[in-house]
């Protein structure tokens, strides 16, 4: 399964994308993700990410082949005490080429 790191990447609609993030806080209260498509329609809204290890979170984003292609934006929000940190990752979803 492909995964999204810090670099801009391209994936095929209808596939699952593994989104990972490494956070730098000792104890976090929550780590959530929102994903908007190329028309700014939310495909995922404030979903909890899975803690894979200390400071390391993942989320599996399952797309469908009927969604819009183009640039998607994943917004990751981490809260710890009274502080909030936000990071964004951009990636492209494209239609699979026909044979």
C-alpha atoms as a PDB file:
ATOM      1  CA  UNK A   1       0.000   0.000   0.000  1.00  0.00           C
ATOM      2  CA  UNK A   2       1.462   3.383  -0.916  1.00  0.00           C
ATOM      3  CA  UNK A   3       1.999   5.871   1.874  1.00  0.00           C
ATOM      4  CA  UNK A   4       2.072   9.619   2.052  1.00  0.00           C
ATOM      5  CA  UNK A   5       5.018  11.209   3.777  1.00  0.00           C
ATOM      6  CA  UNK A   6       6.229  14.799   3.582  1.00  0.00           C
ATOM      7  CA  UNK A   7       6.709  14.961  -0.185  1.00  0.00           C
ATOM      8  CA  UNK A   8       4.128  15.690  -2.834  1.00  0.00           C
ATOM      9  CA  UNK A   9       2.935  12.395  -4.268  1.00  0.00           C
ATOM     10  CA  UNK A  10       0.455  11.018  -6.810  1.00  0.00           C
ATOM     11  CA  UNK A  11      -1.964   8.118  -6.271  1.00  0.00           C
ATOM     12  CA  UNK A  12      -4.641   6.379  -8.352  1.00  0.00           C
ATOM     13  CA  UNK A  13      -8.301   6.870  -7.447  1.00  0.00           C
ATOM     14  CA  UNK A  14      -9.843   3.676  -6.070  1.00  0.00           C
ATOM     15  CA  UNK A  15      -6.761   2.751  -4.045  1.00  0.00           C
ATOM     16  CA  UNK A  16      -5.960   3.076  -0.339  1.00  0.00           C
ATOM     17  CA  UNK A  17      -3.375   5.636   0.730  1.00  0.00           C
ATOM     18  CA  UNK A  18      -1.506   5.304   4.031  1.00  0.00           C
ATOM     19  CA  UNK A  19      -0.913   8.718   5.575  1.00  0.00           C
ATOM     20  CA  UNK A  20       1.770   8.898   8.254  1.00  0.00           C
ATOM     21  CA  UNK A  21       2.957  11.660  10.522  1.00  0.00           C
ATOM     22  CA  UNK A  22       5.643  12.003  13.156  1.00  0.00           C
ATOM     23  CA  UNK A  23       4.821  14.463  15.922  1.00  0.00           C
ATOM     24  CA  UNK A  24       7.231  16.050  18.393  1.00  0.00           C
ATOM     25  CA  UNK A  25       5.251  16.359  21.608  1.00  0.00           C
ATOM     26  CA  UNK A  26       5.805  14.211  24.691  1.00  0.00           C
ATOM     27  CA  UNK A  27       2.110  13.572  25.354  1.00  0.00           C
ATOM     28  CA  UNK A  28      -0.693  14.416  22.987  1.00  0.00           C
ATOM     29  CA  UNK A  29      -4.392  14.589  23.815  1.00  0.00           C
ATOM     30  CA  UNK A  30      -5.513  13.880  20.262  1.00  0.00           C
ATOM     31  CA  UNK A  31      -4.321  13.513  16.688  1.00  0.00           C
ATOM     32  CA  UNK A  32      -7.004  13.924  14.006  1.00  0.00           C
ATOM     33  CA  UNK A  33      -7.104  14.203  10.226  1.00  0.00           C
ATOM     34  CA  UNK A  34      -9.362  15.986   7.746  1.00  0.00           C
ATOM     35  CA  UNK A  35      -9.021  15.358   4.006  1.00  0.00           C
ATOM     36  CA  UNK A  36     -10.511  17.638   1.346  1.00  0.00           C
ATOM     37  CA  UNK A  37     -10.693  16.801  -2.348  1.00  0.00           C
ATOM     38  CA  UNK A  38      -9.890  19.096  -5.282  1.00  0.00           C
ATOM     39  CA  UNK A  39     -13.293  20.841  -4.956  1.00  0.00           C
ATOM     40  CA  UNK A  40     -12.694  21.428  -1.222  1.00  0.00           C
ATOM     41  CA  UNK A  41     -15.288  18.787  -0.328  1.00  0.00           C
ATOM     42  CA  UNK A  42     -14.411  16.982   2.907  1.00  0.00           C
ATOM     43  CA  UNK A  43     -13.844  13.271   2.294  1.00  0.00           C
ATOM     44  CA  UNK A  44     -12.705  12.739   5.907  1.00  0.00           C
ATOM     45  CA  UNK A  45     -13.635  15.082   8.739  1.00  0.00           C
ATOM     46  CA  UNK A  46     -11.734  15.144  12.068  1.00  0.00           C
ATOM     47  CA  UNK A  47     -11.132  11.379  12.116  1.00  0.00           C
ATOM     48  CA  UNK A  48      -8.865   9.981  14.815  1.00  0.00           C
ATOM     49  CA  UNK A  49      -5.497   8.783  13.551  1.00  0.00           C
ATOM     50  CA  UNK A  50      -4.054   5.491  14.842  1.00  0.00           C
ATOM     51  CA  UNK A  51      -1.069   5.673  17.174  1.00  0.00           C
ATOM     52  CA  UNK A  52       1.445   3.225  15.689  1.00  0.00           C
ATOM     53  CA  UNK A  53       4.311   4.051  18.095  1.00  0.00           C
ATOM     54  CA  UNK A  54       5.457   6.917  20.296  1.00  0.00           C
ATOM     55  CA  UNK A  55       5.077  10.149  18.295  1.00  0.00           C
ATOM     56  CA  UNK A  56       4.025   8.206  15.161  1.00  0.00           C
ATOM     57  CA  UNK A  57       0.467   8.187  13.762  1.00  0.00           C
ATOM     58  CA  UNK A  58      -1.127   6.637  10.671  1.00  0.00           C
ATOM     59  CA  UNK A  59      -4.415   6.810   8.795  1.00  0.00           C
ATOM     60  CA  UNK A  60      -5.598   4.620   5.906  1.00  0.00           C
ATOM     61  CA  UNK A  61      -7.507   6.740   3.384  1.00  0.00           C
ATOM     62  CA  UNK A  62      -9.624   4.555   1.075  1.00  0.00           C
ATOM     63  CA  UNK A  63     -10.580   6.353  -2.131  1.00  0.00           C
ATOM     64  CA  UNK A  64     -13.086   5.350  -4.803  1.00  0.00           C
ATOM     65  CA  UNK A  65     -12.647   5.499  -8.552  1.00  0.00           C
ATOM     66  CA  UNK A  66     -15.646   7.849  -8.907  1.00  0.00           C
ATOM     67  CA  UNK A  67     -14.167  10.685  -6.809  1.00  0.00           C
ATOM     68  CA  UNK A  68     -12.762  13.860  -8.358  1.00  0.00           C
ATOM     69  CA  UNK A  69      -9.178  13.772  -9.519  1.00  0.00           C
ATOM     70  CA  UNK A  70      -6.768  16.599  -8.693  1.00  0.00           C
ATOM     71  CA  UNK A  71      -5.049  17.955  -5.605  1.00  0.00           C
ATOM     72  CA  UNK A  72      -6.188  16.717  -2.188  1.00  0.00           C
ATOM     73  CA  UNK A  73      -5.207  18.284   1.133  1.00  0.00           C
ATOM     74  CA  UNK A  74      -4.770  16.309   4.366  1.00  0.00           C
ATOM     75  CA  UNK A  75      -4.853  18.492   7.482  1.00  0.00           C
ATOM     76  CA  UNK A  76      -3.477  16.873  10.637  1.00  0.00           C
ATOM     77  CA  UNK A  77      -4.326  18.490  13.973  1.00  0.00           C
ATOM     78  CA  UNK A  78      -2.524  17.575  17.204  1.00  0.00           C
ATOM     79  CA  UNK A  79      -3.643  18.896  20.584  1.00  0.00           C
ATOM     80  CA  UNK A  80      -1.597  18.691  23.755  1.00  0.00           C
ATOM     81  CA  UNK A  81      -2.794  20.510  26.840  1.00  0.00           C
ATOM     82  CA  UNK A  82      -3.780  23.995  25.756  1.00  0.00           C
ATOM     83  CA  UNK A  83      -1.741  23.881  22.536  1.00  0.00           C
ATOM     84  CA  UNK A  84      -2.764  22.947  19.007  1.00  0.00           C
ATOM     85  CA  UNK A  85      -0.435  22.174  16.096  1.00  0.00           C
ATOM     86  CA  UNK A  86      -1.607  21.878  12.485  1.00  0.00           C
ATOM     87  CA  UNK A  87       0.236  20.455   9.475  1.00  0.00           C
ATOM     88  CA  UNK A  88      -0.940  20.029   5.888  1.00  0.00           C
ATOM     89  CA  UNK A  89       0.106  17.538   3.233  1.00  0.00           C
ATOM     90  CA  UNK A  90      -0.876  17.932  -0.431  1.00  0.00           C
ATOM     91  CA  UNK A  91      -1.128  15.030  -2.847  1.00  0.00           C
ATOM     92  CA  UNK A  92      -2.673  14.311  -6.233  1.00  0.00           C
ATOM     93  CA  UNK A  93      -5.291  11.701  -7.046  1.00  0.00           C
ATOM     94  CA  UNK A  94      -5.564  10.650 -10.707  1.00  0.00           C
ATOM     95  CA  UNK A  95      -7.794   8.339 -12.717  1.00  0.00           C
ATOM     96  CA  UNK A  96      -6.341   4.972 -13.670  1.00  0.00           C
ATOM     97  CA  UNK A  97      -5.389   4.773 -17.328  1.00  0.00           C
ATOM     98  CA  UNK A  98      -7.503   2.446 -19.461  1.00  0.00           C
ATOM     99  CA  UNK A  99      -5.875  -0.396 -21.349  1.00  0.00           C
END
